[in-house]
N, C-alpha and C. Protein backbone atom coordinates (compact mmCIF):
# COMPACT_ATOMS: atom_id res chain seq x y z
N MET A 1 -40.04 31.45 -111.21
CA MET A 1 -40.42 31.87 -112.29
C MET A 1 -41.10 31.23 -113.45
N ASN A 2 -42.20 31.85 -114.22
CA ASN A 2 -43.08 31.38 -114.72
C ASN A 2 -42.84 31.16 -116.43
N MET A 3 -43.52 30.05 -116.72
CA MET A 3 -43.27 29.96 -118.09
C MET A 3 -44.14 30.42 -118.95
N THR A 4 -43.59 31.09 -120.30
CA THR A 4 -44.81 31.37 -120.91
C THR A 4 -44.25 31.16 -122.54
N LYS A 5 -45.52 30.45 -123.14
CA LYS A 5 -45.43 30.02 -124.65
C LYS A 5 -45.38 31.12 -125.76
N ILE A 6 -44.39 30.97 -126.48
CA ILE A 6 -44.52 32.42 -127.55
C ILE A 6 -44.63 31.86 -128.72
N LYS A 7 -45.59 32.30 -129.45
CA LYS A 7 -45.53 31.72 -131.03
C LYS A 7 -44.57 32.12 -131.65
N ILE A 8 -43.50 31.23 -132.34
CA ILE A 8 -42.28 31.42 -133.05
C ILE A 8 -42.84 31.34 -134.66
N GLY A 9 -43.94 30.80 -135.14
CA GLY A 9 -44.06 30.62 -136.48
C GLY A 9 -44.83 28.99 -136.96
N GLN A 10 -44.78 28.87 -137.79
CA GLN A 10 -45.52 27.86 -138.40
C GLN A 10 -44.36 26.25 -138.44
N VAL A 11 -45.13 25.14 -138.87
CA VAL A 11 -43.85 24.35 -138.79
C VAL A 11 -43.15 24.48 -140.32
N GLY A 12 -43.74 24.83 -141.12
CA GLY A 12 -43.35 25.13 -142.64
C GLY A 12 -42.22 26.32 -142.31
N ASP A 13 -41.94 26.99 -141.16
CA ASP A 13 -41.06 27.97 -141.31
C ASP A 13 -39.42 27.35 -140.85
N PHE A 14 -39.66 25.96 -140.49
CA PHE A 14 -38.36 25.51 -140.11
C PHE A 14 -37.70 24.41 -140.88
N PRO A 15 -37.06 24.60 -141.95
CA PRO A 15 -37.06 23.42 -142.84
C PRO A 15 -35.99 22.57 -141.91
N GLU A 16 -36.17 21.17 -142.56
CA GLU A 16 -35.34 19.82 -141.98
C GLU A 16 -33.68 20.49 -142.31
N GLY A 17 -32.94 20.72 -141.00
CA GLY A 17 -31.53 20.75 -141.15
C GLY A 17 -31.00 22.38 -141.56
N LYS A 18 -31.76 23.12 -141.08
CA LYS A 18 -31.92 24.62 -141.78
C LYS A 18 -31.77 25.29 -140.30
N LEU A 19 -30.58 25.94 -139.96
CA LEU A 19 -30.37 26.52 -138.92
C LEU A 19 -30.95 28.26 -138.91
N LYS A 20 -31.83 28.54 -137.95
CA LYS A 20 -32.76 29.87 -138.26
C LYS A 20 -32.71 30.55 -136.59
N GLY A 21 -32.10 31.42 -136.47
CA GLY A 21 -31.73 32.44 -135.41
C GLY A 21 -33.12 33.52 -135.21
N ILE A 22 -33.68 33.55 -134.13
CA ILE A 22 -34.51 34.46 -133.57
C ILE A 22 -34.33 35.09 -132.56
N THR A 23 -34.77 36.23 -132.02
CA THR A 23 -34.56 36.91 -130.99
C THR A 23 -36.26 36.86 -130.54
N ILE A 24 -36.30 36.62 -128.82
CA ILE A 24 -37.61 36.50 -128.48
C ILE A 24 -37.38 37.17 -127.01
N GLU A 25 -38.07 38.05 -126.81
CA GLU A 25 -38.32 38.23 -125.32
C GLU A 25 -36.74 38.50 -124.94
N GLY A 26 -35.60 39.14 -125.53
CA GLY A 26 -34.49 39.54 -125.75
C GLY A 26 -33.64 38.44 -125.61
N GLU A 27 -33.77 37.22 -125.80
CA GLU A 27 -32.83 35.89 -126.08
C GLU A 27 -32.88 35.73 -127.24
N LYS A 28 -31.55 35.33 -127.54
CA LYS A 28 -30.87 35.08 -128.93
C LYS A 28 -31.28 33.65 -128.89
N VAL A 29 -32.35 32.85 -129.99
CA VAL A 29 -32.40 31.70 -130.03
C VAL A 29 -32.00 30.85 -131.43
N LEU A 30 -31.57 29.57 -131.33
CA LEU A 30 -31.33 29.17 -132.59
C LEU A 30 -32.59 27.97 -132.56
N ILE A 31 -33.25 27.97 -133.84
CA ILE A 31 -34.43 26.92 -133.80
C ILE A 31 -33.91 26.14 -135.18
N VAL A 32 -33.84 24.67 -134.71
CA VAL A 32 -33.15 23.78 -135.58
C VAL A 32 -34.29 22.44 -135.65
N LYS A 33 -34.64 21.72 -137.00
CA LYS A 33 -35.49 20.69 -137.17
C LYS A 33 -34.56 19.32 -137.50
N VAL A 34 -34.25 18.36 -136.89
CA VAL A 34 -33.38 17.44 -137.59
C VAL A 34 -34.33 16.31 -136.93
N LYS A 35 -34.08 15.45 -138.32
CA LYS A 35 -35.48 14.15 -137.98
C LYS A 35 -36.71 14.37 -137.82
N GLY A 36 -36.78 15.60 -137.90
CA GLY A 36 -38.70 16.13 -137.85
C GLY A 36 -38.95 16.55 -136.62
N LYS A 37 -37.87 16.61 -135.56
CA LYS A 37 -38.30 17.17 -134.60
C LYS A 37 -37.52 18.81 -134.18
N LEU A 38 -38.18 19.42 -133.58
CA LEU A 38 -37.71 20.73 -133.82
C LEU A 38 -36.92 21.11 -132.21
N TYR A 39 -35.61 21.66 -132.14
CA TYR A 39 -34.69 22.19 -130.95
C TYR A 39 -34.64 23.54 -130.74
N ALA A 40 -34.25 23.87 -129.80
CA ALA A 40 -34.03 25.51 -129.59
C ALA A 40 -32.91 25.39 -128.65
N THR A 41 -31.73 25.93 -128.88
CA THR A 41 -31.00 26.26 -127.95
C THR A 41 -30.86 27.78 -127.96
N SER A 42 -29.95 28.38 -127.19
CA SER A 42 -29.15 29.73 -127.53
C SER A 42 -28.74 29.53 -128.42
N SER A 43 -28.68 30.85 -129.31
CA SER A 43 -27.81 30.83 -130.36
C SER A 43 -26.47 31.71 -130.38
N ILE A 44 -26.01 32.04 -129.34
CA ILE A 44 -24.68 32.42 -128.95
C ILE A 44 -23.94 31.39 -128.39
N CYS A 45 -22.87 30.88 -128.70
CA CYS A 45 -22.08 30.16 -128.33
C CYS A 45 -21.37 30.88 -127.17
N THR A 46 -21.04 29.81 -126.02
CA THR A 46 -20.80 30.19 -124.49
C THR A 46 -19.06 30.21 -124.61
N HIS A 47 -18.59 29.87 -125.83
CA HIS A 47 -17.11 30.10 -125.68
C HIS A 47 -16.71 31.62 -125.94
N GLU A 48 -17.09 32.66 -127.33
CA GLU A 48 -16.52 33.60 -127.52
C GLU A 48 -17.96 34.14 -127.94
N GLU A 49 -18.82 33.84 -127.84
CA GLU A 49 -20.52 34.32 -128.49
C GLU A 49 -20.41 34.55 -129.96
N GLY A 50 -19.78 33.26 -130.59
CA GLY A 50 -20.13 33.31 -132.06
C GLY A 50 -21.67 33.11 -132.40
N ALA A 51 -21.91 33.31 -133.19
CA ALA A 51 -23.57 33.26 -133.81
C ALA A 51 -23.63 31.72 -134.79
N LEU A 52 -24.44 31.02 -133.53
CA LEU A 52 -24.42 29.61 -134.18
C LEU A 52 -25.38 29.57 -135.11
N GLU A 53 -26.07 30.49 -135.56
CA GLU A 53 -26.93 30.17 -136.80
C GLU A 53 -26.07 30.57 -138.44
N GLU A 54 -25.00 30.89 -138.12
CA GLU A 54 -24.21 30.92 -139.09
C GLU A 54 -22.79 29.48 -138.79
N GLY A 55 -23.24 28.53 -137.83
CA GLY A 55 -22.18 27.62 -137.90
C GLY A 55 -22.79 26.21 -139.13
N GLU A 56 -22.22 25.29 -138.88
CA GLU A 56 -22.61 24.37 -139.62
C GLU A 56 -23.25 22.98 -138.79
N LEU A 57 -24.38 22.38 -139.23
CA LEU A 57 -24.97 21.51 -138.61
C LEU A 57 -24.65 20.30 -139.10
N GLU A 58 -24.71 19.06 -138.43
CA GLU A 58 -24.34 17.73 -138.89
C GLU A 58 -25.06 16.63 -137.63
N ASP A 59 -26.26 16.31 -138.38
CA ASP A 59 -26.88 15.57 -137.63
C ASP A 59 -27.47 16.47 -136.25
N TYR A 60 -27.07 15.87 -135.12
CA TYR A 60 -27.28 16.84 -133.87
C TYR A 60 -26.43 17.60 -133.49
N GLN A 61 -25.62 17.88 -134.03
CA GLN A 61 -24.26 19.01 -133.53
C GLN A 61 -24.15 20.00 -134.44
N ILE A 62 -24.20 21.19 -133.60
CA ILE A 62 -23.69 22.46 -134.31
C ILE A 62 -22.41 22.84 -133.77
N LYS A 63 -21.70 23.26 -134.92
CA LYS A 63 -20.27 23.83 -134.55
C LYS A 63 -20.32 25.30 -135.09
N CYS A 64 -19.67 25.76 -133.86
CA CYS A 64 -19.58 27.23 -133.69
C CYS A 64 -18.69 27.69 -135.13
N PRO A 65 -18.98 29.13 -135.78
CA PRO A 65 -18.39 29.44 -137.23
C PRO A 65 -16.65 30.01 -136.35
N LEU A 66 -16.67 30.37 -135.26
CA LEU A 66 -15.74 31.18 -134.85
C LEU A 66 -14.29 30.18 -134.58
N HIS A 67 -14.34 29.19 -133.60
CA HIS A 67 -13.36 28.67 -133.13
C HIS A 67 -13.93 27.25 -133.31
N SER A 68 -15.16 26.58 -133.41
CA SER A 68 -15.10 25.27 -133.82
C SER A 68 -15.49 24.48 -132.87
N ALA A 69 -15.93 25.16 -131.74
CA ALA A 69 -16.82 24.76 -130.08
C ALA A 69 -17.98 23.86 -131.18
N VAL A 70 -18.26 22.78 -130.38
CA VAL A 70 -19.36 21.55 -131.00
C VAL A 70 -20.40 21.52 -129.91
N PHE A 71 -21.69 21.49 -129.86
CA PHE A 71 -22.77 21.38 -129.23
C PHE A 71 -23.54 20.34 -129.67
N ASP A 72 -24.37 19.55 -128.67
CA ASP A 72 -25.31 19.10 -129.28
C ASP A 72 -26.65 19.34 -128.83
N ILE A 73 -27.39 19.41 -130.00
CA ILE A 73 -28.95 20.46 -129.79
C ILE A 73 -30.01 19.97 -129.42
N ARG A 74 -29.79 18.94 -128.80
CA ARG A 74 -30.76 17.99 -127.92
C ARG A 74 -30.82 18.81 -126.64
N ASP A 75 -29.64 18.77 -125.72
CA ASP A 75 -29.69 18.94 -124.41
C ASP A 75 -28.29 20.38 -124.17
N GLY A 76 -27.71 20.74 -125.05
CA GLY A 76 -26.94 21.76 -125.36
C GLY A 76 -25.65 21.52 -124.93
N ARG A 77 -24.94 20.24 -124.52
CA ARG A 77 -23.94 19.68 -124.03
C ARG A 77 -22.91 20.14 -124.53
N VAL A 78 -21.72 20.38 -124.26
CA VAL A 78 -20.36 20.60 -125.27
C VAL A 78 -19.71 19.23 -125.50
N VAL A 79 -19.56 18.70 -126.89
CA VAL A 79 -19.42 17.80 -127.74
C VAL A 79 -18.04 18.03 -127.43
N GLU A 80 -17.51 19.36 -128.33
CA GLU A 80 -16.14 19.48 -128.53
C GLU A 80 -15.64 20.88 -128.13
N ALA A 81 -14.53 20.97 -127.46
CA ALA A 81 -13.70 22.35 -127.23
C ALA A 81 -13.40 23.04 -127.98
N PRO A 82 -13.28 24.20 -127.96
CA PRO A 82 -12.91 25.43 -126.67
C PRO A 82 -14.02 25.14 -126.12
N ALA A 83 -15.11 25.47 -125.68
CA ALA A 83 -16.50 25.82 -125.07
C ALA A 83 -16.40 24.63 -124.07
N GLU A 84 -16.84 25.40 -122.76
CA GLU A 84 -16.65 24.49 -121.59
C GLU A 84 -18.22 24.52 -121.00
N LEU A 85 -18.70 25.55 -121.32
CA LEU A 85 -20.15 25.42 -120.73
C LEU A 85 -21.26 25.21 -121.76
N PRO A 86 -22.46 24.64 -121.38
CA PRO A 86 -23.38 24.17 -122.63
C PRO A 86 -23.85 25.43 -122.89
N LEU A 87 -24.83 25.11 -123.79
CA LEU A 87 -25.80 26.15 -124.33
C LEU A 87 -26.81 26.26 -123.29
N LYS A 88 -27.68 27.27 -123.21
CA LYS A 88 -29.14 26.96 -122.83
C LYS A 88 -30.20 26.61 -123.60
N THR A 89 -30.92 25.63 -123.52
CA THR A 89 -32.08 24.79 -124.16
C THR A 89 -33.43 25.57 -123.88
N PHE A 90 -34.29 25.35 -124.55
CA PHE A 90 -35.25 25.58 -124.72
C PHE A 90 -36.83 24.58 -125.01
N LYS A 91 -37.86 24.72 -124.43
CA LYS A 91 -38.72 23.66 -124.36
C LYS A 91 -39.33 24.28 -126.11
N VAL A 92 -39.52 23.20 -127.06
CA VAL A 92 -40.43 23.66 -128.34
C VAL A 92 -41.81 22.97 -128.08
N SER A 93 -43.03 23.75 -128.67
CA SER A 93 -44.17 22.73 -128.77
C SER A 93 -44.81 22.96 -129.84
N VAL A 94 -45.53 21.98 -130.72
CA VAL A 94 -46.23 22.03 -131.72
C VAL A 94 -47.79 21.87 -131.61
N LYS A 95 -48.41 22.25 -131.90
CA LYS A 95 -49.92 22.74 -131.77
C LYS A 95 -50.60 23.04 -133.11
N GLY A 96 -51.01 21.95 -133.74
CA GLY A 96 -51.33 22.03 -135.43
C GLY A 96 -50.21 22.41 -136.05
N ASP A 97 -50.46 23.51 -136.68
CA ASP A 97 -49.04 24.05 -137.54
C ASP A 97 -48.15 24.97 -136.97
N ASP A 98 -49.05 25.48 -135.70
CA ASP A 98 -48.18 26.58 -134.75
C ASP A 98 -47.34 26.12 -134.05
N VAL A 99 -45.89 26.81 -134.03
CA VAL A 99 -44.82 26.35 -132.98
C VAL A 99 -44.64 27.34 -132.03
N PHE A 100 -44.42 26.88 -130.86
CA PHE A 100 -44.48 27.52 -129.44
C PHE A 100 -43.41 27.45 -128.87
N LEU A 101 -42.29 28.49 -128.33
CA LEU A 101 -41.15 28.12 -127.34
C LEU A 101 -41.61 28.82 -126.22
N ASP A 102 -41.11 27.82 -125.21
CA ASP A 102 -41.10 28.05 -123.85
C ASP A 102 -40.39 29.35 -123.23
N ILE A 103 -40.37 30.40 -122.65
CA ILE A 103 -39.66 31.15 -122.13
C ILE A 103 -40.21 31.63 -120.57
N LYS A 104 -38.78 31.65 -120.23
CA LYS A 104 -39.36 31.83 -118.56
C LYS A 104 -39.42 33.59 -118.48
N LYS A 105 -40.57 33.98 -117.60
CA LYS A 105 -40.56 35.00 -117.40
C LYS A 105 -40.31 35.83 -116.23
């Protein structure tokens, strides 16, 4: 599969600590800035498909609003059950003020 960089906005579109859900190429993606760095994961919980953009962010951990599964946004790993499967993660890059997401085509 090839990777395609897709512009998803400007740095200012993603405030520190705010959860932003977007859909790119049919993928529901959660974008989060923590400590000045942007991270991207699937925005759908792997447990019961809760919308993670409605969850709670604490440091690098996102808690699903449905059943409180917790994931690390840096690598998608499960921190607390009931989820067992990690979140899909995406590479985010910044060029100037433009923010890009790498999507597999």
